[in-house]
Amino acid sequence: MARIVPQPSVKKKRILVVDAYPMLRHGLVTYLNAQPDLIVCGEADSIPSALIKIAECKPHLLVIGLRLGAADCVEFVKALKVQTPGLLILVYSGFEESIFAMRALRAGASGYLMKRAARDEMVAAISDILRGEIYVSRELAMRVFKEALETQPGFRLPGRAARVENLSDREMHVFHLLGSGLGTRKIAHALNLSVKTIETHRENIKHKLGLNSGQALIERATKYVEETLEPRPGETISVLGKKKLVRFPAAS
């Protein structure tokens, strides 16, 4: 009689999924749980609920979207890396990779993946990160290399000084909220900052982008959000005059 040798069990890595949209979370959780070496230990839809789940299930890796209401998720990643330096973080987002990936990595994330990427790329990204590597798309890696060349003498391109990429992380967040239809007072309330601070950010953004009025800033921000942000399930689009404004979900 043949002797059956028991196979060693695979110790699965625990993943916490944080995203504002239930349908997207459900699909991602189902897919990750189907992987032989991964298990989703929890899910959350906001920063407060994410903090609770991190304490409860102690994940090896956090998969987080960049849009959780009006919360500044880049700042959240920075804070997490201070509080739990061993926690690995993969940002999974619809925000333009060329601008937000480097911000996320500087904040402490170990990878950045666009939501439009092929499904298998999620597992590839997680595998690389769990091995201690950094994950970005090949397109972004090539773009960074090209831009590094452009910063060398003789390679710098005209007009670079007025690019959105030159905004700080906080300025970029305010810029996106402006382009999503929020006014100065609402942004100040959402970010728990003073109106004067938001007005200062607005002035700095105008200066960096070479804009001469508040209306020009709103138009530039609105156009930027429309052109670079893919609508996700659960978002609402409202029309104001001839403009489409992509609204952020209410902050938790």
Protein backbone atom coordinates (compact mmCIF):
# COMPACT_ATOMS: atom_id res chain seq x y z
CA MET A 1 0.00 0.00 0.00
CA ALA A 2 1.41 3.34 -1.06
CA ARG A 3 2.35 5.64 1.78
CA ILE A 4 0.91 9.13 1.53
CA VAL A 5 3.41 11.79 2.47
CA PRO A 6 1.70 14.93 3.80
CA GLN A 7 2.64 18.09 1.96
CA PRO A 8 3.96 20.97 4.03
CA SER A 9 1.37 23.70 4.39
CA VAL A 10 2.13 27.02 2.75
CA LYS A 11 2.31 29.87 5.22
CA LYS A 12 0.19 32.51 3.56
CA LYS A 13 1.02 36.21 3.65
CA ARG A 14 -1.70 38.36 5.16
CA ILE A 15 -3.06 41.20 3.01
CA LEU A 16 -5.26 44.09 4.11
CA VAL A 17 -7.28 45.76 1.32
CA VAL A 18 -8.28 49.41 1.77
CA ASP A 19 -10.49 51.06 -0.85
CA ALA A 20 -13.55 53.31 -0.72
CA TYR A 21 -15.61 51.23 -3.17
CA PRO A 22 -17.20 47.95 -1.97
CA MET A 23 -17.46 46.34 -5.41
CA LEU A 24 -13.80 46.97 -6.18
CA ARG A 25 -12.76 45.67 -2.74
CA HIS A 26 -14.87 42.54 -3.18
CA GLY A 27 -13.32 41.73 -6.55
CA LEU A 28 -9.81 42.31 -5.27
CA VAL A 29 -10.38 40.27 -2.10
CA THR A 30 -11.80 37.35 -4.10
CA TYR A 31 -8.87 37.39 -6.52
CA LEU A 32 -6.20 37.59 -3.82
CA ASN A 33 -7.80 34.84 -1.73
CA ALA A 34 -7.61 32.57 -4.78
CA GLN A 35 -3.80 32.78 -4.73
CA PRO A 36 -2.11 29.83 -3.00
CA ASP A 37 0.27 31.93 -0.88
CA LEU A 38 -1.94 34.91 -0.02
CA ILE A 39 -4.90 35.50 2.27
CA VAL A 40 -6.89 38.68 2.85
CA CYS A 41 -7.06 39.19 6.61
CA GLY A 42 -9.35 42.20 6.42
CA GLU A 43 -10.72 45.10 4.41
CA ALA A 44 -11.46 48.76 5.15
CA ASP A 45 -13.01 51.75 3.40
CA SER A 46 -11.41 54.65 5.30
CA ILE A 47 -8.30 55.62 7.23
CA PRO A 48 -9.90 55.13 10.69
CA SER A 49 -11.19 51.66 9.79
CA ALA A 50 -7.81 50.80 8.21
CA LEU A 51 -6.02 51.64 11.48
CA ILE A 52 -8.39 49.36 13.39
CA LYS A 53 -7.87 46.49 10.95
CA ILE A 54 -4.08 46.90 10.98
CA ALA A 55 -4.11 46.51 14.76
CA GLU A 56 -6.49 43.54 14.58
CA CYS A 57 -4.99 41.37 11.83
CA LYS A 58 -1.39 42.62 11.63
CA PRO A 59 -1.03 42.30 7.85
CA HIS A 60 2.26 41.73 6.08
CA LEU A 61 1.14 44.01 3.24
CA LEU A 62 -1.40 46.79 2.79
CA VAL A 63 -3.05 47.32 -0.60
CA ILE A 64 -4.53 50.83 -0.51
CA GLY A 65 -6.23 53.19 -2.91
CA LEU A 66 -5.24 56.85 -3.01
CA ARG A 67 -8.80 58.11 -2.80
CA LEU A 68 -10.52 57.69 0.56
CA GLY A 69 -12.92 60.60 0.71
CA ALA A 70 -10.95 63.83 0.89
CA ALA A 71 -8.29 62.26 3.13
CA ASP A 72 -4.63 62.74 2.20
CA CYS A 73 -3.57 59.12 1.67
CA VAL A 74 0.04 60.06 0.88
CA GLU A 75 0.32 61.58 4.35
CA PHE A 76 -1.36 58.47 5.77
CA VAL A 77 1.29 56.27 4.14
CA LYS A 78 4.03 58.45 5.67
CA ALA A 79 2.46 58.15 9.12
CA LEU A 80 2.03 54.38 8.78
CA LYS A 81 5.70 53.89 7.94
CA VAL A 82 6.63 55.77 11.11
CA GLN A 83 4.18 53.81 13.29
CA THR A 84 4.70 50.38 11.68
CA PRO A 85 7.95 50.48 9.67
CA GLY A 86 7.76 46.76 8.89
CA LEU A 87 4.40 47.06 7.11
CA LEU A 88 4.74 46.80 3.33
CA ILE A 89 2.46 49.04 1.26
CA LEU A 90 1.25 48.75 -2.33
CA VAL A 91 -0.69 51.77 -3.61
CA TYR A 92 -3.38 50.66 -6.08
CA SER A 93 -4.82 53.73 -7.76
CA GLY A 94 -6.48 55.38 -10.71
CA PHE A 95 -4.42 58.54 -10.22
CA GLU A 96 -1.87 59.21 -12.94
CA GLU A 97 1.19 57.06 -12.29
CA SER A 98 3.70 59.54 -13.69
CA ILE A 99 2.85 62.01 -10.93
CA PHE A 100 1.62 60.00 -7.95
CA ALA A 101 3.86 56.92 -8.02
CA MET A 102 6.99 58.80 -6.99
CA ARG A 103 5.06 60.65 -4.28
CA ALA A 104 3.76 57.35 -2.90
CA LEU A 105 7.23 55.77 -2.98
CA ARG A 106 8.80 58.79 -1.27
CA ALA A 107 6.12 58.49 1.42
CA GLY A 108 7.20 54.92 2.11
CA ALA A 109 5.15 52.70 -0.21
CA SER A 110 6.98 49.78 -1.80
CA GLY A 111 5.04 49.84 -5.04
CA TYR A 112 2.47 51.61 -7.19
CA LEU A 113 0.00 49.88 -9.50
CA MET A 114 -2.60 51.47 -11.76
CA LYS A 115 -6.14 50.12 -11.45
CA ARG A 116 -6.27 49.67 -15.21
CA ALA A 117 -3.33 47.21 -15.08
CA ALA A 118 -3.88 43.56 -16.01
CA ARG A 119 -5.07 41.42 -13.10
CA ASP A 120 -1.96 39.23 -13.08
CA GLU A 121 0.15 42.35 -12.55
CA MET A 122 -1.30 42.69 -9.04
CA VAL A 123 0.16 39.32 -8.02
CA ALA A 124 3.48 40.19 -9.70
CA ALA A 125 3.61 43.49 -7.79
CA ILE A 126 2.80 41.82 -4.45
CA SER A 127 5.38 39.08 -5.06
CA ASP A 128 8.11 41.63 -5.80
CA ILE A 129 7.25 43.69 -2.73
CA LEU A 130 7.17 40.66 -0.42
CA ARG A 131 10.67 39.81 -1.69
CA GLY A 132 11.84 43.24 -0.56
CA GLU A 133 11.81 44.87 -4.00
CA ILE A 134 10.18 48.04 -5.33
CA TYR A 135 7.42 47.71 -7.93
CA VAL A 136 6.50 50.24 -10.63
CA SER A 137 5.47 49.70 -14.22
CA ARG A 138 8.10 49.45 -16.94
CA GLU A 139 6.60 52.57 -18.55
CA LEU A 140 7.17 54.59 -15.39
CA ALA A 141 10.71 53.26 -14.94
CA MET A 142 11.56 54.35 -18.49
CA ARG A 143 9.93 57.74 -17.98
CA VAL A 144 11.93 58.36 -14.80
CA PHE A 145 15.12 57.42 -16.63
CA LYS A 146 14.26 59.81 -19.46
CA GLU A 147 13.44 62.65 -17.07
CA ALA A 148 16.72 62.05 -15.24
CA LEU A 149 18.48 62.65 -18.55
CA GLU A 150 16.44 65.79 -19.15
CA THR A 151 17.68 67.30 -15.89
CA GLN A 152 21.28 67.06 -17.08
CA PRO A 153 22.86 70.13 -18.77
CA GLY A 154 21.82 70.26 -22.38
CA PHE A 155 18.80 67.98 -21.91
CA ARG A 156 16.41 70.23 -19.96
CA LEU A 157 13.23 70.89 -21.89
CA PRO A 158 11.64 74.36 -22.14
CA GLY A 159 8.44 74.89 -20.19
CA ARG A 160 9.31 72.31 -17.53
CA ALA A 161 9.04 74.88 -14.73
CA ALA A 162 5.25 75.14 -15.15
CA ARG A 163 4.50 71.40 -14.94
CA VAL A 164 2.06 69.96 -12.41
CA GLU A 165 4.76 67.50 -11.32
CA ASN A 166 6.57 70.37 -9.57
CA LEU A 167 3.82 70.77 -6.96
CA SER A 168 4.50 69.49 -3.46
CA ASP A 169 2.46 66.56 -2.13
CA ARG A 170 0.15 68.87 -0.17
CA GLU A 171 -0.21 71.27 -3.11
CA MET A 172 -1.04 68.33 -5.38
CA HIS A 173 -3.74 67.17 -2.98
CA VAL A 174 -5.27 70.66 -2.80
CA PHE A 175 -5.02 70.94 -6.60
CA HIS A 176 -7.00 67.70 -7.03
CA LEU A 177 -9.65 68.75 -4.53
CA LEU A 178 -10.05 72.08 -6.35
CA GLY A 179 -10.42 70.23 -9.64
CA SER A 180 -12.99 67.94 -8.06
CA GLY A 181 -15.30 70.83 -7.24
CA LEU A 182 -14.41 71.66 -3.62
CA GLY A 183 -14.05 75.30 -2.58
CA THR A 184 -11.40 76.72 -0.27
CA ARG A 185 -13.50 76.48 2.90
CA LYS A 186 -14.59 72.90 2.22
CA ILE A 187 -11.00 71.87 1.53
CA ALA A 188 -9.87 73.53 4.77
CA HIS A 189 -12.58 71.66 6.70
CA ALA A 190 -11.79 68.31 5.04
CA LEU A 191 -8.05 68.60 5.72
CA ASN A 192 -8.48 70.15 9.19
CA LEU A 193 -6.47 73.19 8.12
CA SER A 194 -7.19 76.91 8.26
CA VAL A 195 -8.71 78.75 5.31
CA LYS A 196 -5.62 80.97 5.27
CA THR A 197 -3.38 77.90 4.86
CA ILE A 198 -5.42 76.66 1.89
CA GLU A 199 -5.33 80.15 0.36
CA THR A 200 -1.53 80.10 0.71
CA HIS A 201 -1.40 76.73 -1.05
CA ARG A 202 -3.59 78.14 -3.82
CA GLU A 203 -1.23 81.07 -4.30
CA ASN A 204 1.80 78.78 -4.40
CA ILE A 205 0.11 76.51 -6.94
CA LYS A 206 -0.78 79.50 -9.13
CA HIS A 207 2.83 80.70 -9.00
CA LYS A 208 4.30 77.28 -9.84
CA LEU A 209 1.89 76.77 -12.75
CA GLY A 210 2.26 80.31 -14.09
CA LEU A 211 -1.43 81.15 -13.57
CA ASN A 212 -2.59 84.73 -12.97
CA SER A 213 -6.03 84.29 -11.39
CA GLY A 214 -8.10 82.07 -9.16
CA GLN A 215 -10.44 81.28 -12.07
CA ALA A 216 -7.50 80.14 -14.18
CA LEU A 217 -6.44 77.86 -11.34
CA ILE A 218 -9.90 76.28 -11.07
CA GLU A 219 -10.08 75.77 -14.84
CA ARG A 220 -6.62 74.20 -14.94
CA ALA A 221 -7.37 71.93 -11.96
CA THR A 222 -10.76 70.86 -13.36
CA LYS A 223 -9.29 70.06 -16.76
CA TYR A 224 -6.45 68.13 -15.16
CA VAL A 225 -8.79 65.98 -13.07
CA GLU A 226 -11.04 65.30 -16.09
CA GLU A 227 -8.13 64.27 -18.30
CA THR A 228 -6.06 62.22 -15.87
CA LEU A 229 -8.49 60.55 -13.49
CA GLU A 230 -10.47 57.53 -14.61
CA PRO A 231 -14.05 57.43 -13.24
CA ARG A 232 -14.35 54.59 -10.72
CA PRO A 233 -17.47 52.64 -9.70
CA GLY A 234 -19.57 54.62 -7.24
CA GLU A 235 -18.41 58.07 -8.33
CA THR A 236 -20.88 60.71 -9.35
CA ILE A 237 -20.36 63.15 -12.18
CA SER A 238 -22.11 66.49 -11.92
CA VAL A 239 -22.34 69.07 -14.65
CA LEU A 240 -21.82 72.75 -13.95
CA GLY A 241 -22.35 74.78 -17.08
CA LYS A 242 -20.26 72.98 -19.70
CA LYS A 243 -17.81 71.51 -17.20
CA LYS A 244 -17.76 67.99 -15.81
CA LEU A 245 -16.63 67.81 -12.21
CA VAL A 246 -15.47 64.51 -10.79
CA ARG A 247 -16.70 64.54 -7.21
CA PHE A 248 -14.85 62.87 -4.36
CA PRO A 249 -16.98 60.67 -2.12
CA ALA A 250 -17.81 62.21 1.24
CA ALA A 251 -14.96 62.02 3.70
CA SER A 252 -15.41 59.48 6.47
